[in-house]
Amino acid sequence: MRIHICAVGRLRAGPEKSLIDDYLTRFDRTGRSLGLGPARIIEVEDKKNAGMGAEATLLRKAFPKGALICTLDERGKVISSPDFSKKLADWRDTGQQDVVFVIGGADGIDASLRAEADFSISFGKMVWPHMMVRLMLSEQLYRAATIQSGGPYHRV
């Protein structure tokens, strides 16, 4: 099952990008034998500053046809790492070929796109900068793969 992280904005070289790249490389390596991955990041940018509606249009164009859409949004469901791992496994096991994780811009995700989502996850009640959400999602993808593989990374 291919993972697509579709995010508004460009992440420049720096510590966050290095960590994201590291976690996604680990995820690809661990997830391959589990039928998870590869994971890739697709960045879109509203250069005209037309707002969330324009960002949503750009994001939709980046989605593979038939992909399951999961938004990362403060209104989403707060779930544990094992539950996230199980959710990925369930999507994979039901034949889902592509999952898109959507990370909005500074103002969030347009309501119309949130309404189209199959699932929505929150990393808590606090609002996080988009670069941190990318990093946390990348780490959770790797953690989910290690949970499924029985590796020692995730401790209960």
C-alpha atoms as a PDB file:
ATOM      1  CA  MET A   1       0.000   0.000   0.000  1.00  0.00           C
ATOM      2  CA  ARG A   2       1.551   3.242  -1.141  1.00  0.00           C
ATOM      3  CA  ILE A   3       1.594   6.206   1.248  1.00  0.00           C
ATOM      4  CA  HIS A   4       1.331   9.764  -0.045  1.00  0.00           C
ATOM      5  CA  ILE A   5       1.825  12.699   2.294  1.00  0.00           C
ATOM      6  CA  CYS A   6       0.237  15.641   0.488  1.00  0.00           C
ATOM      7  CA  ALA A   7       1.152  18.887   2.208  1.00  0.00           C
ATOM      8  CA  VAL A   8       0.723  22.579   1.590  1.00  0.00           C
ATOM      9  CA  GLY A   9       4.024  24.450   1.562  1.00  0.00           C
ATOM     10  CA  ARG A  10       7.635  23.675   0.832  1.00  0.00           C
ATOM     11  CA  LEU A  11       9.951  22.329   3.485  1.00  0.00           C
ATOM     12  CA  ARG A  12      13.483  23.586   3.083  1.00  0.00           C
ATOM     13  CA  ALA A  13      16.628  21.699   4.011  1.00  0.00           C
ATOM     14  CA  GLY A  14      17.154  21.616   7.743  1.00  0.00           C
ATOM     15  CA  PRO A  15      16.785  19.424  10.815  1.00  0.00           C
ATOM     16  CA  GLU A  16      13.071  18.736  10.305  1.00  0.00           C
ATOM     17  CA  LYS A  17      13.597  17.615   6.699  1.00  0.00           C
ATOM     18  CA  SER A  18      16.533  15.409   7.743  1.00  0.00           C
ATOM     19  CA  LEU A  19      14.425  13.707  10.408  1.00  0.00           C
ATOM     20  CA  ILE A  20      11.467  13.261   8.047  1.00  0.00           C
ATOM     21  CA  ASP A  21      13.713  11.727   5.393  1.00  0.00           C
ATOM     22  CA  ASP A  22      15.238   9.411   8.004  1.00  0.00           C
ATOM     23  CA  TYR A  23      11.876   8.194   9.345  1.00  0.00           C
ATOM     24  CA  LEU A  24      10.438   7.667   5.862  1.00  0.00           C
ATOM     25  CA  THR A  25      13.531   5.709   4.816  1.00  0.00           C
ATOM     26  CA  ARG A  26      13.129   3.548   7.924  1.00  0.00           C
ATOM     27  CA  PHE A  27       9.418   3.137   7.164  1.00  0.00           C
ATOM     28  CA  ASP A  28      10.130   2.056   3.591  1.00  0.00           C
ATOM     29  CA  ARG A  29      12.734  -0.454   4.767  1.00  0.00           C
ATOM     30  CA  THR A  30      10.572  -1.909   7.555  1.00  0.00           C
ATOM     31  CA  GLY A  31       7.250  -1.695   5.747  1.00  0.00           C
ATOM     32  CA  ARG A  32       8.309  -3.265   2.448  1.00  0.00           C
ATOM     33  CA  SER A  33       7.936  -6.855   3.691  1.00  0.00           C
ATOM     34  CA  LEU A  34       4.613  -5.927   5.313  1.00  0.00           C
ATOM     35  CA  GLY A  35       3.068  -4.542   2.133  1.00  0.00           C
ATOM     36  CA  LEU A  36       3.437  -0.955   3.363  1.00  0.00           C
ATOM     37  CA  GLY A  37       5.137   1.724   1.340  1.00  0.00           C
ATOM     38  CA  PRO A  38       6.805   3.313  -0.289  1.00  0.00           C
ATOM     39  CA  ALA A  39       6.014   6.670   1.266  1.00  0.00           C
ATOM     40  CA  ARG A  40       6.477   9.911  -0.590  1.00  0.00           C
ATOM     41  CA  ILE A  41       5.833  13.558   0.093  1.00  0.00           C
ATOM     42  CA  ILE A  42       3.974  15.699  -2.417  1.00  0.00           C
ATOM     43  CA  GLU A  43       4.206  19.418  -1.751  1.00  0.00           C
ATOM     44  CA  VAL A  44       1.782  21.925  -3.235  1.00  0.00           C
ATOM     45  CA  GLU A  45       1.992  25.674  -2.996  1.00  0.00           C
ATOM     46  CA  ASP A  46      -0.673  28.312  -3.584  1.00  0.00           C
ATOM     47  CA  LYS A  47       1.608  30.956  -5.081  1.00  0.00           C
ATOM     48  CA  LYS A  48      -1.314  33.327  -5.635  1.00  0.00           C
ATOM     49  CA  ASN A  49      -2.350  33.213  -1.963  1.00  0.00           C
ATOM     50  CA  ALA A  50      -5.922  32.459  -3.012  1.00  0.00           C
ATOM     51  CA  GLY A  51      -6.743  30.730   0.273  1.00  0.00           C
ATOM     52  CA  MET A  52      -7.787  27.329   1.558  1.00  0.00           C
ATOM     53  CA  GLY A  53     -10.118  26.630  -1.382  1.00  0.00           C
ATOM     54  CA  ALA A  54      -7.251  27.019  -3.838  1.00  0.00           C
ATOM     55  CA  GLU A  55      -5.006  24.877  -1.624  1.00  0.00           C
ATOM     56  CA  ALA A  56      -7.702  22.179  -1.566  1.00  0.00           C
ATOM     57  CA  THR A  57      -7.856  22.201  -5.371  1.00  0.00           C
ATOM     58  CA  LEU A  58      -4.072  21.799  -5.611  1.00  0.00           C
ATOM     59  CA  LEU A  59      -4.128  19.001  -3.037  1.00  0.00           C
ATOM     60  CA  ARG A  60      -6.913  17.109  -4.830  1.00  0.00           C
ATOM     61  CA  LYS A  61      -4.930  17.214  -8.083  1.00  0.00           C
ATOM     62  CA  ALA A  62      -2.044  15.493  -6.289  1.00  0.00           C
ATOM     63  CA  PHE A  63      -4.160  12.558  -5.055  1.00  0.00           C
ATOM     64  CA  PRO A  64      -3.854   9.249  -6.902  1.00  0.00           C
ATOM     65  CA  LYS A  65      -7.179   8.082  -8.315  1.00  0.00           C
ATOM     66  CA  GLY A  66      -9.101   5.919  -5.850  1.00  0.00           C
ATOM     67  CA  ALA A  67      -6.894   6.822  -2.886  1.00  0.00           C
ATOM     68  CA  LEU A  68      -8.225   6.715   0.642  1.00  0.00           C
ATOM     69  CA  ILE A  69      -8.048  10.231   2.080  1.00  0.00           C
ATOM     70  CA  CYS A  70      -6.982  10.810   5.675  1.00  0.00           C
ATOM     71  CA  THR A  71      -6.690  14.386   6.899  1.00  0.00           C
ATOM     72  CA  LEU A  72      -4.485  15.529   9.757  1.00  0.00           C
ATOM     73  CA  ASP A  73      -6.686  18.026  11.515  1.00  0.00           C
ATOM     74  CA  GLU A  74      -7.274  19.270  15.051  1.00  0.00           C
ATOM     75  CA  ARG A  75     -10.920  18.128  14.716  1.00  0.00           C
ATOM     76  CA  GLY A  76      -9.847  14.581  13.850  1.00  0.00           C
ATOM     77  CA  LYS A  77      -9.829  11.523  16.043  1.00  0.00           C
ATOM     78  CA  VAL A  78      -7.069  11.154  18.622  1.00  0.00           C
ATOM     79  CA  ILE A  79      -5.811   7.565  18.437  1.00  0.00           C
ATOM     80  CA  SER A  80      -2.942   5.620  19.969  1.00  0.00           C
ATOM     81  CA  SER A  81       0.086   4.432  18.012  1.00  0.00           C
ATOM     82  CA  PRO A  82      -1.093   0.783  18.117  1.00  0.00           C
ATOM     83  CA  ASP A  83      -4.526   1.879  16.858  1.00  0.00           C
ATOM     84  CA  PHE A  84      -2.880   3.849  14.049  1.00  0.00           C
ATOM     85  CA  SER A  85      -0.834   0.766  13.139  1.00  0.00           C
ATOM     86  CA  LYS A  86      -4.008  -1.341  13.108  1.00  0.00           C
ATOM     87  CA  LYS A  87      -5.795   1.249  10.960  1.00  0.00           C
ATOM     88  CA  LEU A  88      -2.973   1.084   8.369  1.00  0.00           C
ATOM     89  CA  ALA A  89      -3.070  -2.714   8.447  1.00  0.00           C
ATOM     90  CA  ASP A  90      -6.858  -2.732   8.008  1.00  0.00           C
ATOM     91  CA  TRP A  91      -6.640  -0.406   5.007  1.00  0.00           C
ATOM     92  CA  ARG A  92      -3.915  -2.570   3.479  1.00  0.00           C
ATOM     93  CA  ASP A  93      -5.763  -5.808   4.196  1.00  0.00           C
ATOM     94  CA  THR A  94      -8.958  -4.572   2.540  1.00  0.00           C
ATOM     95  CA  GLY A  95      -7.028  -3.989  -0.682  1.00  0.00           C
ATOM     96  CA  GLN A  96      -6.482  -0.238  -0.457  1.00  0.00           C
ATOM     97  CA  GLN A  97      -3.595   0.557  -2.814  1.00  0.00           C
ATOM     98  CA  ASP A  98      -3.054   4.228  -2.003  1.00  0.00           C
ATOM     99  CA  VAL A  99      -3.541   6.235   1.172  1.00  0.00           C
ATOM    100  CA  VAL A 100      -3.187  10.005   1.140  1.00  0.00           C
ATOM    101  CA  PHE A 101      -2.422  11.866   4.352  1.00  0.00           C
ATOM    102  CA  VAL A 102      -3.395  15.521   3.918  1.00  0.00           C
ATOM    103  CA  ILE A 103      -1.626  18.305   5.803  1.00  0.00           C
ATOM    104  CA  GLY A 104      -3.066  21.759   5.270  1.00  0.00           C
ATOM    105  CA  GLY A 105      -1.416  25.153   5.264  1.00  0.00           C
ATOM    106  CA  ALA A 106      -1.333  27.825   7.949  1.00  0.00           C
ATOM    107  CA  ASP A 107      -5.142  28.143   7.979  1.00  0.00           C
ATOM    108  CA  GLY A 108      -5.823  24.399   7.977  1.00  0.00           C
ATOM    109  CA  ILE A 109      -7.731  22.271   5.487  1.00  0.00           C
ATOM    110  CA  ASP A 110     -10.700  23.605   3.537  1.00  0.00           C
ATOM    111  CA  ALA A 111     -14.043  22.358   4.891  1.00  0.00           C
ATOM    112  CA  SER A 112     -15.002  20.804   1.543  1.00  0.00           C
ATOM    113  CA  LEU A 113     -11.854  18.677   1.528  1.00  0.00           C
ATOM    114  CA  ARG A 114     -12.324  17.721   5.181  1.00  0.00           C
ATOM    115  CA  ALA A 115     -15.827  16.540   4.261  1.00  0.00           C
ATOM    116  CA  GLU A 116     -14.413  14.296   1.503  1.00  0.00           C
ATOM    117  CA  ALA A 117     -11.988  12.561   3.854  1.00  0.00           C
ATOM    118  CA  ASP A 118     -12.473   8.906   4.715  1.00  0.00           C
ATOM    119  CA  PHE A 119     -10.787   9.417   8.072  1.00  0.00           C
ATOM    120  CA  SER A 120      -9.280  12.258  10.081  1.00  0.00           C
ATOM    121  CA  ILE A 121      -6.542  12.088  12.696  1.00  0.00           C
ATOM    122  CA  SER A 122      -5.556  14.639  15.315  1.00  0.00           C
ATOM    123  CA  PHE A 123      -2.208  14.756  17.102  1.00  0.00           C
ATOM    124  CA  GLY A 124      -3.989  16.248  20.101  1.00  0.00           C
ATOM    125  CA  LYS A 125      -5.926  19.381  20.931  1.00  0.00           C
ATOM    126  CA  MET A 126      -2.966  21.651  20.240  1.00  0.00           C
ATOM    127  CA  VAL A 127      -2.342  23.063  16.789  1.00  0.00           C
ATOM    128  CA  TRP A 128       1.042  22.100  15.323  1.00  0.00           C
ATOM    129  CA  PRO A 129       3.067  23.771  12.565  1.00  0.00           C
ATOM    130  CA  HIS A 130       2.810  21.853   9.281  1.00  0.00           C
ATOM    131  CA  MET A 131       6.516  20.919   9.349  1.00  0.00           C
ATOM    132  CA  MET A 132       6.092  19.341  12.793  1.00  0.00           C
ATOM    133  CA  VAL A 133       2.985  17.464  11.655  1.00  0.00           C
ATOM    134  CA  ARG A 134       4.988  16.019   8.746  1.00  0.00           C
ATOM    135  CA  LEU A 135       7.687  14.940  11.166  1.00  0.00           C
ATOM    136  CA  MET A 136       5.258  13.400  13.662  1.00  0.00           C
ATOM    137  CA  LEU A 137       3.368  11.582  10.886  1.00  0.00           C
ATOM    138  CA  SER A 138       6.625  10.237   9.431  1.00  0.00           C
ATOM    139  CA  GLU A 139       7.666   8.936  12.843  1.00  0.00           C
ATOM    140  CA  GLN A 140       4.236   7.373  13.431  1.00  0.00           C
ATOM    141  CA  LEU A 141       4.356   5.624  10.060  1.00  0.00           C
ATOM    142  CA  TYR A 142       7.709   4.096  11.010  1.00  0.00           C
ATOM    143  CA  ARG A 143       6.384   3.208  14.479  1.00  0.00           C
ATOM    144  CA  ALA A 144       3.300   1.575  12.909  1.00  0.00           C
ATOM    145  CA  ALA A 145       5.498  -0.595  10.693  1.00  0.00           C
ATOM    146  CA  THR A 146       7.653  -1.652  13.644  1.00  0.00           C
ATOM    147  CA  ILE A 147       4.538  -2.513  15.651  1.00  0.00           C
ATOM    148  CA  GLN A 148       3.320  -4.727  12.806  1.00  0.00           C
ATOM    149  CA  SER A 149       6.733  -6.351  12.410  1.00  0.00           C
ATOM    150  CA  GLY A 150       7.075  -7.019  16.145  1.00  0.00           C
ATOM    151  CA  GLY A 151      10.208  -4.891  16.371  1.00  0.00           C
ATOM    152  CA  PRO A 152      11.447  -3.385  19.638  1.00  0.00           C
ATOM    153  CA  TYR A 153      11.054   0.303  18.673  1.00  0.00           C
ATOM    154  CA  HIS A 154       7.579   0.691  20.209  1.00  0.00           C
ATOM    155  CA  ARG A 155       7.479  -0.050  23.897  1.00  0.00           C
ATOM    156  CA  VAL A 156       4.227  -0.462  25.778  1.00  0.00           C
END
